[in-house]
Amino acid sequence: MKSSWQKSFFITYLLLLGLCIGAEIAVGMLAAPVIFFPSAFLGEGVLSHFQSGVLMTQIFLKFNVLLMLCMLLITAYEIYLYKIKNYDFASAVILFAALLASLAFVLYFTPYIVEAQKSGAEITSSAEFRSMHGWSEIVMKVILLSQVGLFFRRIWIILK
């Protein structure tokens, strides 16, 4: 890394990855348990599991915008690194996993869940919905792990 603007791009890149990682942890580990188990804080009968799911979906719809914006900028930076011959095959594979999983989450799983919720609580308690929801959780973990991998991979390359 030579110029100060290249350093600024790199720092911005790491901040974007950190933002995504932090948001994923906040949504998945902090918000979801509170949203899905409101009785621990407000008493019994406040929200049904279906109503909690509707609220959580609204959080994920906002998160999806952040995720795709960050992934677009992260991908642009990785393409820039490729163009200046700072190519790293492992980073490219990790980026591809993160990008593919992000697109699947935003364009496949989220719309499925939104449509199922529009059909009512009965649909969201079906085995098919539980399976899709379970896969969406796995995909979110792939996004998180691949972004963490990309974060540390790029730091490792710089420190080497």
N, C-alpha and C. Protein backbone atom coordinates (compact mmCIF):
# COMPACT_ATOMS: atom_id res chain seq x y z
N MET A 1 0.85 -1.16 0.00
CA MET A 1 0.00 0.00 0.00
C MET A 1 0.91 1.23 0.00
N LYS A 2 0.73 2.07 -1.00
CA LYS A 2 1.67 3.17 -1.18
C LYS A 2 1.09 4.51 -0.77
N SER A 3 0.05 4.94 -1.40
CA SER A 3 -0.43 6.30 -1.18
C SER A 3 -1.42 6.38 -0.02
N SER A 4 -1.64 7.62 0.40
CA SER A 4 -2.57 7.81 1.52
C SER A 4 -4.01 7.50 1.11
N TRP A 5 -4.38 7.72 -0.16
CA TRP A 5 -5.75 7.40 -0.58
C TRP A 5 -5.94 5.89 -0.64
N GLN A 6 -4.90 5.13 -0.95
CA GLN A 6 -5.01 3.67 -0.92
C GLN A 6 -5.19 3.19 0.52
N LYS A 7 -4.48 3.82 1.44
CA LYS A 7 -4.66 3.49 2.86
C LYS A 7 -6.07 3.83 3.32
N SER A 8 -6.58 4.96 2.85
CA SER A 8 -7.94 5.38 3.21
C SER A 8 -8.97 4.39 2.68
N PHE A 9 -8.79 3.92 1.44
CA PHE A 9 -9.69 2.91 0.87
C PHE A 9 -9.64 1.63 1.69
N PHE A 10 -8.44 1.23 2.08
CA PHE A 10 -8.29 0.00 2.86
C PHE A 10 -8.97 0.12 4.21
N ILE A 11 -8.80 1.25 4.87
CA ILE A 11 -9.43 1.46 6.17
C ILE A 11 -10.95 1.47 6.02
N THR A 12 -11.44 2.14 4.98
CA THR A 12 -12.88 2.17 4.72
C THR A 12 -13.41 0.77 4.45
N TYR A 13 -12.66 -0.01 3.69
CA TYR A 13 -13.01 -1.40 3.39
C TYR A 13 -13.15 -2.20 4.69
N LEU A 14 -12.16 -2.08 5.58
CA LEU A 14 -12.21 -2.81 6.85
C LEU A 14 -13.37 -2.32 7.71
N LEU A 15 -13.63 -1.01 7.69
CA LEU A 15 -14.77 -0.48 8.45
C LEU A 15 -16.09 -1.03 7.93
N LEU A 16 -16.23 -1.14 6.61
CA LEU A 16 -17.45 -1.71 6.03
C LEU A 16 -17.63 -3.17 6.44
N LEU A 17 -16.54 -3.93 6.38
CA LEU A 17 -16.62 -5.32 6.83
C LEU A 17 -16.99 -5.37 8.31
N GLY A 18 -16.36 -4.53 9.11
CA GLY A 18 -16.67 -4.49 10.54
C GLY A 18 -18.11 -4.09 10.80
N LEU A 19 -18.61 -3.14 10.02
CA LEU A 19 -20.00 -2.72 10.16
C LEU A 19 -20.95 -3.88 9.88
N CYS A 20 -20.69 -4.60 8.81
CA CYS A 20 -21.54 -5.76 8.48
C CYS A 20 -21.47 -6.82 9.56
N ILE A 21 -20.27 -7.13 9.99
CA ILE A 21 -20.09 -8.15 11.03
C ILE A 21 -20.82 -7.74 12.30
N GLY A 22 -20.64 -6.49 12.69
CA GLY A 22 -21.33 -5.99 13.89
C GLY A 22 -22.84 -6.01 13.75
N ALA A 23 -23.33 -5.62 12.58
CA ALA A 23 -24.78 -5.62 12.35
C ALA A 23 -25.33 -7.04 12.39
N GLU A 24 -24.60 -7.98 11.81
CA GLU A 24 -25.06 -9.38 11.81
C GLU A 24 -25.11 -9.93 13.23
N ILE A 25 -24.10 -9.60 14.02
CA ILE A 25 -24.11 -10.04 15.42
C ILE A 25 -25.25 -9.37 16.18
N ALA A 26 -25.44 -8.08 15.96
CA ALA A 26 -26.51 -7.35 16.65
C ALA A 26 -27.89 -7.90 16.29
N VAL A 27 -28.10 -8.15 15.02
CA VAL A 27 -29.41 -8.66 14.58
C VAL A 27 -29.63 -10.08 15.07
N GLY A 28 -28.65 -10.94 14.85
CA GLY A 28 -28.83 -12.36 15.15
C GLY A 28 -28.70 -12.73 16.61
N MET A 29 -27.74 -12.14 17.30
CA MET A 29 -27.47 -12.56 18.67
C MET A 29 -28.08 -11.64 19.72
N LEU A 30 -28.34 -10.39 19.36
CA LEU A 30 -28.86 -9.44 20.34
C LEU A 30 -30.35 -9.18 20.15
N ALA A 31 -30.76 -8.84 18.94
CA ALA A 31 -32.16 -8.48 18.71
C ALA A 31 -33.08 -9.70 18.68
N ALA A 32 -32.69 -10.75 17.97
CA ALA A 32 -33.58 -11.90 17.80
C ALA A 32 -34.04 -12.52 19.12
N PRO A 33 -33.13 -12.76 20.08
CA PRO A 33 -33.62 -13.35 21.34
C PRO A 33 -34.61 -12.46 22.09
N VAL A 34 -34.43 -11.16 22.00
CA VAL A 34 -35.36 -10.24 22.66
C VAL A 34 -36.70 -10.23 21.94
N ILE A 35 -36.66 -10.14 20.61
CA ILE A 35 -37.89 -10.09 19.82
C ILE A 35 -38.69 -11.39 19.95
N PHE A 36 -38.00 -12.53 19.91
CA PHE A 36 -38.72 -13.81 19.93
C PHE A 36 -39.11 -14.29 21.32
N PHE A 37 -38.54 -13.69 22.35
CA PHE A 37 -38.90 -14.09 23.72
C PHE A 37 -39.25 -12.86 24.56
N PRO A 38 -40.27 -12.09 24.12
CA PRO A 38 -40.62 -10.86 24.84
C PRO A 38 -41.19 -11.13 26.23
N SER A 39 -41.69 -12.34 26.46
CA SER A 39 -42.28 -12.64 27.77
C SER A 39 -41.25 -12.54 28.89
N ALA A 40 -39.98 -12.72 28.57
CA ALA A 40 -38.93 -12.60 29.58
C ALA A 40 -38.81 -11.17 30.10
N PHE A 41 -39.31 -10.21 29.31
CA PHE A 41 -39.19 -8.80 29.68
C PHE A 41 -40.53 -8.13 29.97
N LEU A 42 -41.58 -8.60 29.28
CA LEU A 42 -42.87 -7.92 29.37
C LEU A 42 -43.98 -8.76 29.98
N GLY A 43 -43.69 -10.00 30.28
CA GLY A 43 -44.72 -10.89 30.80
C GLY A 43 -45.33 -11.73 29.69
N GLU A 44 -46.16 -12.67 30.10
CA GLU A 44 -46.77 -13.61 29.16
C GLU A 44 -47.85 -12.94 28.30
N GLY A 45 -48.05 -13.46 27.11
CA GLY A 45 -49.14 -13.07 26.25
C GLY A 45 -48.99 -11.73 25.57
N VAL A 46 -47.80 -11.16 25.55
CA VAL A 46 -47.61 -9.85 24.93
C VAL A 46 -47.63 -9.97 23.42
N LEU A 47 -46.77 -10.81 22.89
CA LEU A 47 -46.68 -11.04 21.44
C LEU A 47 -46.70 -12.53 21.16
N SER A 48 -47.37 -12.90 20.10
CA SER A 48 -47.30 -14.30 19.66
C SER A 48 -45.98 -14.51 18.93
N HIS A 49 -45.62 -15.76 18.74
CA HIS A 49 -44.39 -16.07 18.00
C HIS A 49 -44.49 -15.51 16.57
N PHE A 50 -45.66 -15.58 15.99
CA PHE A 50 -45.88 -15.04 14.64
C PHE A 50 -45.66 -13.53 14.63
N GLN A 51 -46.21 -12.81 15.60
CA GLN A 51 -46.02 -11.36 15.67
C GLN A 51 -44.55 -11.00 15.88
N SER A 52 -43.87 -11.77 16.70
CA SER A 52 -42.43 -11.56 16.89
C SER A 52 -41.69 -11.74 15.57
N GLY A 53 -42.09 -12.75 14.81
CA GLY A 53 -41.47 -12.99 13.50
C GLY A 53 -41.69 -11.85 12.54
N VAL A 54 -42.87 -11.27 12.57
CA VAL A 54 -43.17 -10.12 11.71
C VAL A 54 -42.27 -8.94 12.09
N LEU A 55 -42.10 -8.69 13.37
CA LEU A 55 -41.21 -7.62 13.81
C LEU A 55 -39.76 -7.90 13.40
N MET A 56 -39.32 -9.13 13.58
CA MET A 56 -37.95 -9.48 13.22
C MET A 56 -37.73 -9.34 11.72
N THR A 57 -38.72 -9.66 10.94
CA THR A 57 -38.61 -9.50 9.49
C THR A 57 -38.41 -8.04 9.14
N GLN A 58 -39.07 -7.14 9.82
CA GLN A 58 -38.88 -5.71 9.55
C GLN A 58 -37.45 -5.28 9.84
N ILE A 59 -36.86 -5.84 10.89
CA ILE A 59 -35.45 -5.56 11.18
C ILE A 59 -34.58 -6.09 10.05
N PHE A 60 -34.86 -7.31 9.59
CA PHE A 60 -34.05 -7.89 8.52
C PHE A 60 -34.22 -7.16 7.19
N LEU A 61 -35.40 -6.62 6.92
CA LEU A 61 -35.58 -5.85 5.68
C LEU A 61 -34.68 -4.61 5.68
N LYS A 62 -34.55 -3.97 6.82
CA LYS A 62 -33.64 -2.82 6.93
C LYS A 62 -32.19 -3.28 6.88
N PHE A 63 -31.89 -4.38 7.54
CA PHE A 63 -30.54 -4.94 7.52
C PHE A 63 -30.13 -5.32 6.10
N ASN A 64 -31.05 -5.85 5.32
CA ASN A 64 -30.74 -6.27 3.95
C ASN A 64 -30.21 -5.11 3.10
N VAL A 65 -30.76 -3.93 3.29
CA VAL A 65 -30.29 -2.76 2.55
C VAL A 65 -28.84 -2.47 2.92
N LEU A 66 -28.54 -2.47 4.22
CA LEU A 66 -27.18 -2.25 4.68
C LEU A 66 -26.24 -3.33 4.14
N LEU A 67 -26.66 -4.57 4.23
CA LEU A 67 -25.84 -5.69 3.77
C LEU A 67 -25.49 -5.56 2.30
N MET A 68 -26.48 -5.28 1.46
CA MET A 68 -26.21 -5.22 0.02
C MET A 68 -25.37 -3.99 -0.34
N LEU A 69 -25.59 -2.88 0.33
CA LEU A 69 -24.77 -1.70 0.08
C LEU A 69 -23.31 -1.99 0.45
N CYS A 70 -23.10 -2.55 1.61
CA CYS A 70 -21.73 -2.89 2.04
C CYS A 70 -21.10 -3.92 1.10
N MET A 71 -21.85 -4.95 0.73
CA MET A 71 -21.28 -5.97 -0.15
C MET A 71 -20.95 -5.41 -1.52
N LEU A 72 -21.73 -4.46 -2.00
CA LEU A 72 -21.42 -3.81 -3.27
C LEU A 72 -20.10 -3.06 -3.17
N LEU A 73 -19.92 -2.29 -2.11
CA LEU A 73 -18.68 -1.53 -1.93
C LEU A 73 -17.48 -2.44 -1.67
N ILE A 74 -17.69 -3.49 -0.90
CA ILE A 74 -16.61 -4.45 -0.62
C ILE A 74 -16.19 -5.15 -1.91
N THR A 75 -17.15 -5.54 -2.72
CA THR A 75 -16.85 -6.18 -4.00
C THR A 75 -16.11 -5.22 -4.92
N ALA A 76 -16.53 -3.97 -4.95
CA ALA A 76 -15.85 -2.97 -5.78
C ALA A 76 -14.39 -2.82 -5.35
N TYR A 77 -14.14 -2.82 -4.05
CA TYR A 77 -12.77 -2.71 -3.56
C TYR A 77 -11.95 -3.94 -3.96
N GLU A 78 -12.54 -5.11 -3.85
CA GLU A 78 -11.83 -6.34 -4.25
C GLU A 78 -11.52 -6.33 -5.75
N ILE A 79 -12.44 -5.81 -6.56
CA ILE A 79 -12.18 -5.69 -8.00
C ILE A 79 -11.05 -4.70 -8.24
N TYR A 80 -11.04 -3.62 -7.49
CA TYR A 80 -9.95 -2.65 -7.58
C TYR A 80 -8.61 -3.32 -7.26
N LEU A 81 -8.57 -4.11 -6.20
CA LEU A 81 -7.33 -4.81 -5.84
C LEU A 81 -6.89 -5.75 -6.96
N TYR A 82 -7.84 -6.39 -7.59
CA TYR A 82 -7.52 -7.27 -8.72
C TYR A 82 -6.90 -6.46 -9.86
N LYS A 83 -7.49 -5.30 -10.14
CA LYS A 83 -7.00 -4.47 -11.25
C LYS A 83 -5.59 -3.93 -11.01
N ILE A 84 -5.24 -3.66 -9.75
CA ILE A 84 -3.90 -3.14 -9.48
C ILE A 84 -2.91 -4.28 -9.18
N LYS A 85 -3.30 -5.48 -9.53
CA LYS A 85 -2.44 -6.67 -9.40
C LYS A 85 -2.16 -7.05 -7.95
N ASN A 86 -3.07 -6.70 -7.06
CA ASN A 86 -2.96 -7.10 -5.67
C ASN A 86 -3.95 -8.24 -5.42
N TYR A 87 -3.95 -9.18 -6.37
CA TYR A 87 -4.92 -10.27 -6.39
C TYR A 87 -4.57 -11.33 -5.36
N ASP A 88 -5.58 -11.83 -4.70
CA ASP A 88 -5.41 -12.90 -3.73
C ASP A 88 -6.53 -13.91 -3.96
N PHE A 89 -6.17 -15.11 -4.39
CA PHE A 89 -7.17 -16.12 -4.74
C PHE A 89 -8.05 -16.48 -3.54
N ALA A 90 -7.45 -16.65 -2.36
CA ALA A 90 -8.23 -17.02 -1.17
C ALA A 90 -9.26 -15.93 -0.84
N SER A 91 -8.85 -14.68 -0.93
CA SER A 91 -9.80 -13.58 -0.68
C SER A 91 -10.92 -13.58 -1.70
N ALA A 92 -10.60 -13.89 -2.94
CA ALA A 92 -11.62 -13.94 -3.99
C ALA A 92 -12.64 -15.04 -3.70
N VAL A 93 -12.18 -16.19 -3.25
CA VAL A 93 -13.09 -17.29 -2.92
C VAL A 93 -13.98 -16.92 -1.74
N ILE A 94 -13.38 -16.31 -0.72
CA ILE A 94 -14.14 -15.90 0.46
C ILE A 94 -15.16 -14.83 0.08
N LEU A 95 -14.75 -13.87 -0.74
CA LEU A 95 -15.66 -12.83 -1.21
C LEU A 95 -16.83 -13.44 -1.98
N PHE A 96 -16.53 -14.39 -2.85
CA PHE A 96 -17.57 -15.04 -3.64
C PHE A 96 -18.59 -15.72 -2.72
N ALA A 97 -18.11 -16.40 -1.68
CA ALA A 97 -19.01 -17.05 -0.72
C ALA A 97 -19.89 -16.01 -0.01
N ALA A 98 -19.27 -14.91 0.42
CA ALA A 98 -20.02 -13.85 1.11
C ALA A 98 -21.06 -13.22 0.19
N LEU A 99 -20.66 -12.95 -1.04
CA LEU A 99 -21.56 -12.31 -1.99
C LEU A 99 -22.71 -13.23 -2.38
N LEU A 100 -22.39 -14.48 -2.66
CA LEU A 100 -23.43 -15.44 -3.04
C LEU A 100 -24.41 -15.66 -1.89
N ALA A 101 -23.89 -15.80 -0.69
CA ALA A 101 -24.77 -16.00 0.48
C ALA A 101 -25.62 -14.75 0.74
N SER A 102 -25.03 -13.57 0.58
CA SER A 102 -25.78 -12.32 0.78
C SER A 102 -26.91 -12.20 -0.23
N LEU A 103 -26.60 -12.49 -1.48
CA LEU A 103 -27.64 -12.44 -2.51
C LEU A 103 -28.75 -13.45 -2.24
N ALA A 104 -28.38 -14.65 -1.81
CA ALA A 104 -29.38 -15.67 -1.49
C ALA A 104 -30.25 -15.21 -0.33
N PHE A 105 -29.65 -14.64 0.69
CA PHE A 105 -30.42 -14.19 1.84
C PHE A 105 -31.38 -13.08 1.46
N VAL A 106 -30.88 -12.10 0.72
CA VAL A 106 -31.70 -10.92 0.39
C VAL A 106 -32.73 -11.22 -0.69
N LEU A 107 -32.35 -11.97 -1.72
CA LEU A 107 -33.23 -12.16 -2.88
C LEU A 107 -34.04 -13.44 -2.86
N TYR A 108 -33.70 -14.39 -1.98
CA TYR A 108 -34.42 -15.66 -1.96
C TYR A 108 -35.11 -15.90 -0.61
N PHE A 109 -34.33 -15.93 0.45
CA PHE A 109 -34.90 -16.29 1.75
C PHE A 109 -35.81 -15.21 2.32
N THR A 110 -35.37 -13.95 2.28
CA THR A 110 -36.21 -12.88 2.84
C THR A 110 -37.54 -12.77 2.11
N PRO A 111 -37.57 -12.74 0.76
CA PRO A 111 -38.89 -12.67 0.10
C PRO A 111 -39.78 -13.88 0.42
N TYR A 112 -39.18 -15.05 0.55
CA TYR A 112 -39.97 -16.24 0.91
C TYR A 112 -40.62 -16.04 2.27
N ILE A 113 -39.85 -15.58 3.23
CA ILE A 113 -40.36 -15.39 4.59
C ILE A 113 -41.45 -14.31 4.62
N VAL A 114 -41.22 -13.21 3.88
CA VAL A 114 -42.22 -12.14 3.82
C VAL A 114 -43.52 -12.66 3.23
N GLU A 115 -43.45 -13.40 2.15
CA GLU A 115 -44.66 -13.95 1.52
C GLU A 115 -45.37 -14.94 2.43
N ALA A 116 -44.60 -15.77 3.11
CA ALA A 116 -45.21 -16.73 4.04
C ALA A 116 -45.94 -16.00 5.16
N GLN A 117 -45.34 -14.94 5.66
CA GLN A 117 -45.99 -14.18 6.74
C GLN A 117 -47.28 -13.52 6.26
N LYS A 118 -47.31 -13.12 5.00
CA LYS A 118 -48.54 -12.53 4.46
C LYS A 118 -49.67 -13.55 4.41
N SER A 119 -49.30 -14.84 4.33
CA SER A 119 -50.30 -15.90 4.28
C SER A 119 -50.84 -16.28 5.65
N GLY A 120 -50.19 -15.81 6.70
CA GLY A 120 -50.71 -16.04 8.04
C GLY A 120 -49.85 -16.95 8.89
N ALA A 121 -50.25 -17.03 10.15
CA ALA A 121 -49.49 -17.78 11.15
C ALA A 121 -49.43 -19.27 10.86
N GLU A 122 -50.47 -19.81 10.24
CA GLU A 122 -50.50 -21.25 9.97
C GLU A 122 -49.36 -21.66 9.04
N ILE A 123 -49.12 -20.86 8.01
CA ILE A 123 -48.06 -21.16 7.04
C ILE A 123 -46.69 -21.11 7.72
N THR A 124 -46.51 -20.14 8.60
CA THR A 124 -45.20 -19.98 9.24
C THR A 124 -44.93 -21.04 10.30
N SER A 125 -45.91 -21.86 10.60
CA SER A 125 -45.67 -22.96 11.54
C SER A 125 -45.52 -24.29 10.80
N SER A 126 -45.49 -24.24 9.47
CA SER A 126 -45.35 -25.47 8.68
C SER A 126 -43.91 -25.97 8.67
N ALA A 127 -43.75 -27.23 8.34
CA ALA A 127 -42.42 -27.84 8.26
C ALA A 127 -41.60 -27.18 7.14
N GLU A 128 -42.26 -26.84 6.03
CA GLU A 128 -41.55 -26.20 4.92
C GLU A 128 -40.99 -24.84 5.34
N PHE A 129 -41.80 -24.07 6.04
CA PHE A 129 -41.33 -22.76 6.50
C PHE A 129 -40.18 -22.92 7.50
N ARG A 130 -40.33 -23.84 8.45
CA ARG A 130 -39.26 -24.05 9.44
C ARG A 130 -37.96 -24.46 8.74
N SER A 131 -38.07 -25.27 7.70
CA SER A 131 -36.88 -25.69 6.95
C SER A 131 -36.23 -24.50 6.25
N MET A 132 -37.04 -23.69 5.58
CA MET A 132 -36.51 -22.51 4.88
C MET A 132 -35.90 -21.52 5.88
N HIS A 133 -36.56 -21.34 7.00
CA HIS A 133 -36.05 -20.43 8.02
C HIS A 133 -34.72 -20.96 8.56
N GLY A 134 -34.65 -22.25 8.78
CA GLY A 134 -33.40 -22.86 9.24
C GLY A 134 -32.27 -22.66 8.25
N TRP A 135 -32.58 -22.84 6.97
CA TRP A 135 -31.55 -22.61 5.94
C TRP A 135 -31.15 -21.14 5.89
N SER A 136 -32.10 -20.23 6.10
CA SER A 136 -31.75 -18.81 6.09
C SER A 136 -30.80 -18.49 7.25
N GLU A 137 -30.97 -19.14 8.38
CA GLU A 137 -30.05 -18.94 9.51
C GLU A 137 -28.66 -19.46 9.17
N ILE A 138 -28.59 -20.59 8.48
CA ILE A 138 -27.29 -21.14 8.06
C ILE A 138 -26.62 -20.19 7.07
N VAL A 139 -27.38 -19.66 6.13
CA VAL A 139 -26.84 -18.73 5.15
C VAL A 139 -26.32 -17.47 5.85
N MET A 140 -27.04 -16.99 6.85
CA MET A 140 -26.57 -15.82 7.60
C MET A 140 -25.25 -16.11 8.29
N LYS A 141 -25.10 -17.31 8.81
CA LYS A 141 -23.83 -17.69 9.44
C LYS A 141 -22.70 -17.77 8.42
N VAL A 142 -23.02 -18.24 7.21
CA VAL A 142 -22.01 -18.26 6.14
C VAL A 142 -21.58 -16.84 5.80
N ILE A 143 -22.53 -15.93 5.72
CA ILE A 143 -22.20 -14.52 5.46
C ILE A 143 -21.27 -14.00 6.55
N LEU A 144 -21.65 -14.20 7.79
CA LEU A 144 -20.86 -13.72 8.92
C LEU A 144 -19.45 -14.31 8.90
N LEU A 145 -19.34 -15.61 8.78
CA LEU A 145 -18.03 -16.26 8.82
C LEU A 145 -17.16 -15.86 7.63
N SER A 146 -17.76 -15.73 6.46
CA SER A 146 -16.97 -15.34 5.29
C SER A 146 -16.50 -13.89 5.41
N GLN A 147 -17.32 -13.02 5.97
CA GLN A 147 -16.88 -11.64 6.16
C GLN A 147 -15.78 -11.54 7.22
N VAL A 148 -15.91 -12.32 8.27
CA VAL A 148 -14.84 -12.36 9.27
C VAL A 148 -13.56 -12.89 8.63
N GLY A 149 -13.70 -13.94 7.82
CA GLY A 149 -12.54 -14.49 7.11
C GLY A 149 -11.90 -13.48 6.20
N LEU A 150 -12.70 -12.73 5.46
CA LEU A 150 -12.19 -11.71 4.56
C LEU A 150 -11.49 -10.59 5.33
N PHE A 151 -12.07 -10.20 6.43
CA PHE A 151 -11.48 -9.16 7.28
C PHE A 151 -10.08 -9.57 7.72
N PHE A 152 -9.96 -10.76 8.30
CA PHE A 152 -8.66 -11.19 8.80
C PHE A 152 -7.70 -11.58 7.69
N ARG A 153 -8.22 -12.06 6.57
CA ARG A 153 -7.35 -12.38 5.43
C ARG A 153 -6.66 -11.11 4.92
N ARG A 154 -7.42 -10.05 4.75
CA ARG A 154 -6.83 -8.80 4.25
C ARG A 154 -5.85 -8.20 5.26
N ILE A 155 -6.15 -8.29 6.53
CA ILE A 155 -5.20 -7.81 7.54
C ILE A 155 -3.94 -8.65 7.50
N TRP A 156 -4.08 -9.96 7.38
CA TRP A 156 -2.93 -10.86 7.31
C TRP A 156 -2.03 -10.50 6.13
N ILE A 157 -2.63 -10.23 4.99
CA ILE A 157 -1.85 -9.89 3.79
C ILE A 157 -1.08 -8.59 4.01
N ILE A 158 -1.72 -7.61 4.62
CA ILE A 158 -1.05 -6.33 4.87
C ILE A 158 0.11 -6.49 5.85
N LEU A 159 -0.09 -7.28 6.89
CA LEU A 159 0.92 -7.45 7.92
C LEU A 159 2.08 -8.35 7.50
N LYS A 160 1.85 -9.13 6.48
CA LYS A 160 2.87 -10.07 6.01
C LYS A 160 4.08 -9.39 5.45
